[in-house]
């Protein structure tokens, strides 16, 4: 029997989290799915834990192992093996809410022009116990602010439900990107149909060690390529925004007094682009925190 949804989980060195991720899939209220886990050359016990979970729960899920080739390629590998009408991606350290698939499938099936459905998501950090909630309403605004590094992304790598036929026709994930592959795909999907939003938290995004987005040099390089591929006419403006973003990002790990020192330097040196970015990032985080809570 052909499943309605194919769940694709790329996996690399997530032995501490993968069982919780798989459990959130198993507990979904929507049951018409297959689950394909692609182990991308893990060096820890991730693959063993997946195999044990599948066996203990007597699940007809698929574990594929490959040499390390990157998360974009791992997702494409799973998609190539999939049989479902829709593709749902989930990273190996994130979690789904119980009715994530149910609400998204209902949305995409009732909107034939829709190529992808996104849900709100909650960002949580177990170390700091801080929580932020992110929800979007307008896809063009989301993608633009994502590319400008002024807003939170769509997190489609863990929350997106995509029509497989469209995913295949536009070339799947671009393997030239890693941390920005989701943004690139979202920008391409936007040109091929509607992207709708479910106004509920569908995914819990875990902040953990070793995540791609924490590699600022990689992100900086990839965002330059995003601009060249999608925003060539706005190249100068985007480059200016990115410089300001990375200026503050590289100071984020410093003590607060260092951050304040550079803030006042920006005032004294009339670095207005840096100041605008500073206030935008502060406001973005305060809004997201207001929607969630801090314990």
Protein backbone atom coordinates (compact mmCIF):
# COMPACT_ATOMS: atom_id res chain seq x y z
CA UNK A 1 0.00 0.00 0.00
CA UNK A 2 1.36 3.42 -1.00
CA UNK A 3 1.59 5.81 1.97
CA UNK A 4 0.21 9.34 1.82
CA UNK A 5 3.31 10.85 3.46
CA UNK A 6 6.99 9.93 3.38
CA UNK A 7 8.93 11.15 6.43
CA UNK A 8 12.62 11.77 5.75
CA UNK A 9 15.04 12.03 8.69
CA UNK A 10 18.70 12.85 7.88
CA UNK A 11 20.92 11.72 10.72
CA UNK A 12 24.47 12.54 11.73
CA UNK A 13 25.82 12.06 15.26
CA UNK A 14 22.57 12.65 17.17
CA UNK A 15 22.72 9.66 19.54
CA UNK A 16 21.52 11.76 22.48
CA UNK A 17 18.37 12.96 20.73
CA UNK A 18 17.34 10.60 17.94
CA UNK A 19 15.16 8.33 20.09
CA UNK A 20 13.02 11.28 21.22
CA UNK A 21 12.73 12.39 17.60
CA UNK A 22 11.59 8.95 16.47
CA UNK A 23 9.13 8.74 19.35
CA UNK A 24 7.51 12.00 18.25
CA UNK A 25 7.01 10.44 14.80
CA UNK A 26 5.61 7.19 16.16
CA UNK A 27 3.05 9.09 18.28
CA UNK A 28 1.63 11.09 15.36
CA UNK A 29 -2.18 11.13 15.20
CA UNK A 30 -1.88 10.75 11.41
CA UNK A 31 -0.76 7.20 10.65
CA UNK A 32 -0.64 6.90 6.84
CA UNK A 33 3.10 7.39 6.46
CA UNK A 34 6.39 5.67 5.86
CA UNK A 35 9.53 6.73 7.70
CA UNK A 36 12.98 6.72 6.09
CA UNK A 37 16.01 7.51 8.24
CA UNK A 38 19.20 8.25 6.31
CA UNK A 39 22.30 7.85 8.46
CA UNK A 40 24.87 10.17 6.89
CA UNK A 41 28.01 8.39 8.10
CA UNK A 42 27.50 8.91 11.83
CA UNK A 43 30.55 8.28 14.00
CA UNK A 44 28.57 7.68 17.21
CA UNK A 45 25.80 5.21 18.12
CA UNK A 46 23.03 7.04 16.25
CA UNK A 47 22.40 4.27 13.69
CA UNK A 48 22.44 1.58 16.38
CA UNK A 49 19.85 3.47 18.41
CA UNK A 50 17.61 3.83 15.36
CA UNK A 51 17.87 0.12 14.60
CA UNK A 52 17.08 -0.76 18.21
CA UNK A 53 14.08 1.60 18.27
CA UNK A 54 12.66 0.10 15.07
CA UNK A 55 13.10 -3.46 16.35
CA UNK A 56 11.72 -2.80 19.84
CA UNK A 57 8.58 -1.18 18.47
CA UNK A 58 8.20 -3.61 15.56
CA UNK A 59 8.06 -0.80 13.01
CA UNK A 60 8.16 -1.12 9.25
CA UNK A 61 10.53 1.83 8.94
CA UNK A 62 13.62 2.05 6.74
CA UNK A 63 17.16 2.80 7.91
CA UNK A 64 19.60 3.66 5.14
CA UNK A 65 23.32 4.18 5.73
CA UNK A 66 25.67 6.09 3.48
CA UNK A 67 29.09 7.69 3.60
CA UNK A 68 29.01 11.23 4.92
CA UNK A 69 27.81 13.49 2.12
CA UNK A 70 25.96 16.27 3.95
CA UNK A 71 22.41 16.80 5.15
CA UNK A 72 21.05 18.09 1.82
CA UNK A 73 22.22 14.98 0.01
CA UNK A 74 20.87 12.77 2.82
CA UNK A 75 17.43 14.36 2.46
CA UNK A 76 17.55 13.88 -1.31
CA UNK A 77 18.53 10.25 -0.82
CA UNK A 78 15.51 9.65 1.39
CA UNK A 79 13.22 11.48 -1.04
CA UNK A 80 14.49 9.33 -3.91
CA UNK A 81 13.58 6.18 -1.99
CA UNK A 82 10.19 7.51 -0.89
CA UNK A 83 6.78 6.42 -2.20
CA UNK A 84 4.45 9.00 -0.66
CA UNK A 85 2.55 11.81 -2.33
CA UNK A 86 3.92 14.29 0.20
CA UNK A 87 7.35 14.62 1.81
CA UNK A 88 7.82 15.63 5.45
CA UNK A 89 11.36 16.37 6.62
CA UNK A 90 12.58 16.20 10.21
CA UNK A 91 16.08 16.65 11.60
CA UNK A 92 17.45 14.06 14.02
CA UNK A 93 17.35 16.31 17.09
CA UNK A 94 13.98 18.02 16.59
CA UNK A 95 10.49 16.95 17.69
CA UNK A 96 6.98 17.11 16.23
CA UNK A 97 3.75 17.95 18.02
CA UNK A 98 1.29 15.06 18.07
CA UNK A 99 -1.02 16.38 15.33
CA UNK A 100 1.61 18.04 13.13
CA UNK A 101 1.07 15.76 10.14
CA UNK A 102 -2.71 15.61 10.56
CA UNK A 103 -3.21 19.37 10.36
CA UNK A 104 -0.71 19.85 7.52
CA UNK A 105 -2.12 17.04 5.35
CA UNK A 106 -5.63 18.46 5.79
CA UNK A 107 -4.35 21.89 4.73
CA UNK A 108 -2.47 20.79 1.60
CA UNK A 109 -5.25 18.46 0.44
CA UNK A 110 -7.85 21.20 0.71
CA UNK A 111 -5.64 23.62 -1.25
CA UNK A 112 -4.63 22.03 -4.58
CA UNK A 113 -2.55 25.08 -5.56
CA UNK A 114 -0.40 24.60 -2.45
CA UNK A 115 3.13 23.22 -2.92
CA UNK A 116 4.19 23.33 0.73
CA UNK A 117 2.65 23.73 4.18
CA UNK A 118 4.59 25.16 7.11
CA UNK A 119 3.62 25.35 10.77
CA UNK A 120 4.74 27.51 13.63
CA UNK A 121 7.63 26.18 15.65
CA UNK A 122 9.05 26.53 19.11
CA UNK A 123 12.78 27.03 19.69
CA UNK A 124 14.01 25.60 22.96
CA UNK A 125 17.35 25.48 24.68
CA UNK A 126 17.66 22.86 27.41
CA UNK A 127 20.79 24.50 28.81
CA UNK A 128 19.31 27.99 29.29
CA UNK A 129 15.66 26.82 29.53
CA UNK A 130 14.64 29.66 27.19
CA UNK A 131 11.79 29.23 24.74
CA UNK A 132 10.84 31.26 21.67
CA UNK A 133 7.85 30.79 19.39
CA UNK A 134 8.03 31.58 15.66
CA UNK A 135 4.99 31.90 13.39
CA UNK A 136 4.68 33.31 9.89
CA UNK A 137 1.74 34.57 7.81
CA UNK A 138 3.22 35.84 4.55
CA UNK A 139 5.59 33.65 2.55
CA UNK A 140 7.21 36.45 0.55
CA UNK A 141 7.94 38.42 3.72
CA UNK A 142 9.23 35.29 5.45
CA UNK A 143 11.61 34.39 2.63
CA UNK A 144 12.84 37.94 2.16
CA UNK A 145 13.52 38.53 5.85
CA UNK A 146 15.08 35.07 6.11
CA UNK A 147 17.46 35.95 3.29
CA UNK A 148 18.16 39.37 4.82
CA UNK A 149 18.95 37.66 8.15
CA UNK A 150 16.44 40.00 9.76
CA UNK A 151 13.85 37.36 10.61
CA UNK A 152 13.52 33.74 11.63
CA UNK A 153 13.46 31.16 8.84
CA UNK A 154 10.68 28.81 7.86
CA UNK A 155 12.51 25.78 9.31
CA UNK A 156 11.16 23.70 6.44
CA UNK A 157 13.90 21.12 7.05
CA UNK A 158 11.94 19.97 10.11
CA UNK A 159 8.45 21.42 9.71
CA UNK A 160 7.73 21.47 5.98
CA UNK A 161 5.24 19.20 4.20
CA UNK A 162 5.97 19.35 0.46
CA UNK A 163 4.28 17.98 -2.65
CA UNK A 164 6.73 15.38 -3.92
CA UNK A 165 5.94 16.02 -7.59
CA UNK A 166 6.94 19.69 -7.24
CA UNK A 167 9.97 18.86 -5.10
CA UNK A 168 11.25 16.54 -7.83
CA UNK A 169 10.46 18.94 -10.67
CA UNK A 170 12.47 21.83 -9.21
CA UNK A 171 15.54 19.75 -8.45
CA UNK A 172 15.17 18.75 -4.77
CA UNK A 173 17.63 20.23 -2.21
CA UNK A 174 20.62 21.97 -3.77
CA UNK A 175 23.62 20.02 -2.43
CA UNK A 176 25.85 23.08 -2.89
CA UNK A 177 24.23 24.37 0.30
CA UNK A 178 24.09 22.90 3.78
CA UNK A 179 22.83 25.33 6.42
CA UNK A 180 21.06 27.45 3.77
CA UNK A 181 19.57 24.60 1.74
CA UNK A 182 16.14 25.16 3.28
CA UNK A 183 16.12 28.84 2.35
CA UNK A 184 17.17 28.05 -1.21
CA UNK A 185 14.41 25.44 -1.56
CA UNK A 186 11.78 27.77 -0.06
CA UNK A 187 12.70 30.52 -2.53
CA UNK A 188 12.36 28.08 -5.44
CA UNK A 189 9.07 26.62 -4.17
CA UNK A 190 7.63 30.12 -3.83
CA UNK A 191 7.84 30.49 -7.63
CA UNK A 192 5.90 27.27 -8.30
CA UNK A 193 2.79 27.62 -6.17
CA UNK A 194 1.29 28.70 -2.87
CA UNK A 195 2.96 28.12 0.47
CA UNK A 196 0.47 28.00 3.32
CA UNK A 197 0.86 28.22 7.07
CA UNK A 198 -0.84 26.29 9.86
CA UNK A 199 -1.17 28.66 12.79
CA UNK A 200 -0.13 26.07 15.35
CA UNK A 201 3.20 24.96 16.76
CA UNK A 202 4.04 21.84 14.75
CA UNK A 203 7.69 21.39 15.63
CA UNK A 204 10.04 21.86 18.56
CA UNK A 205 13.41 23.07 17.35
CA UNK A 206 16.20 22.03 19.70
CA UNK A 207 19.29 24.21 20.16
CA UNK A 208 22.16 21.74 20.54
CA UNK A 209 25.89 21.49 19.97
CA UNK A 210 27.32 20.98 16.50
CA UNK A 211 24.44 22.48 14.53
CA UNK A 212 25.23 23.88 11.08
CA UNK A 213 23.71 27.30 11.76
CA UNK A 214 26.28 27.95 14.51
CA UNK A 215 29.12 27.84 11.94
CA UNK A 216 29.19 31.56 11.09
CA UNK A 217 31.91 31.30 8.45
CA UNK A 218 29.91 28.64 6.60
CA UNK A 219 26.69 30.63 6.92
CA UNK A 220 28.42 33.78 5.67
CA UNK A 221 29.75 31.96 2.62
CA UNK A 222 26.41 30.35 1.83
CA UNK A 223 24.45 33.57 2.20
CA UNK A 224 26.72 35.18 -0.39
CA UNK A 225 25.80 32.38 -2.78
CA UNK A 226 22.09 32.76 -1.93
CA UNK A 227 22.33 36.42 -2.94
CA UNK A 228 24.07 35.55 -6.21
CA UNK A 229 21.46 32.91 -7.01
CA UNK A 230 18.25 34.71 -5.97
CA UNK A 231 18.89 38.41 -5.21
CA UNK A 232 21.45 39.58 -7.78
CA UNK A 233 19.61 42.88 -8.38
CA UNK A 234 19.72 43.61 -4.64
CA UNK A 235 23.29 42.44 -4.17
CA UNK A 236 24.71 45.60 -2.58
CA UNK A 237 21.83 46.06 -0.16
CA UNK A 238 21.86 42.41 0.90
CA UNK A 239 25.64 42.40 1.34
CA UNK A 240 25.34 45.43 3.64
CA UNK A 241 22.69 43.73 5.76
CA UNK A 242 24.73 40.56 5.99
CA UNK A 243 27.88 42.43 7.06
CA UNK A 244 25.92 44.06 9.87
CA UNK A 245 24.38 40.75 10.94
CA UNK A 246 27.70 38.93 11.12
CA UNK A 247 29.29 41.91 12.89
CA UNK A 248 26.95 41.31 15.85
CA UNK A 249 26.81 37.54 15.54
CA UNK A 250 30.54 37.23 16.01
CA UNK A 251 30.24 39.25 19.24
CA UNK A 252 27.30 37.27 20.61
CA UNK A 253 29.45 34.88 22.65
CA UNK A 254 31.36 37.76 24.25
CA UNK A 255 30.47 39.15 27.70
CA UNK A 256 27.71 41.76 27.69
CA UNK A 257 30.09 44.61 28.46
CA UNK A 258 32.00 43.84 25.24
CA UNK A 259 28.74 43.94 23.28
CA UNK A 260 27.87 47.29 24.86
CA UNK A 261 31.32 48.62 24.05
CA UNK A 262 30.90 47.85 20.36
CA UNK A 263 27.37 49.25 20.46
CA UNK A 264 28.72 52.61 21.65
CA UNK A 265 31.54 52.41 19.11
CA UNK A 266 28.89 52.10 16.42
CA UNK A 267 27.22 55.25 17.74
CA UNK A 268 30.46 57.22 17.93
CA UNK A 269 31.56 56.09 14.46
CA UNK A 270 28.11 56.67 12.91
CA UNK A 271 27.76 53.02 11.90
CA UNK A 272 24.05 53.38 11.30
CA UNK A 273 23.67 50.07 9.43
CA UNK A 274 25.12 48.22 12.44
CA UNK A 275 22.82 50.09 14.81
CA UNK A 276 19.74 49.34 12.72
CA UNK A 277 20.63 45.65 12.63
CA UNK A 278 21.22 45.62 16.38
CA UNK A 279 17.76 47.02 17.13
CA UNK A 280 16.09 44.76 14.58
CA UNK A 281 17.66 41.63 16.10
CA UNK A 282 16.76 42.71 19.62
CA UNK A 283 13.14 43.38 18.61
CA UNK A 284 12.93 40.08 16.72
CA UNK A 285 14.04 38.10 19.75
CA UNK A 286 11.85 40.03 22.19
CA UNK A 287 8.76 39.36 20.05
CA UNK A 288 9.60 35.65 19.81
CA UNK A 289 10.21 35.47 23.56
CA UNK A 290 6.90 37.24 24.26
CA UNK A 291 5.09 34.52 22.32
CA UNK A 292 6.79 31.86 24.41
CA UNK A 293 8.17 32.10 27.88
CA UNK A 294 11.39 31.81 29.87
CA UNK A 295 11.74 29.62 32.96
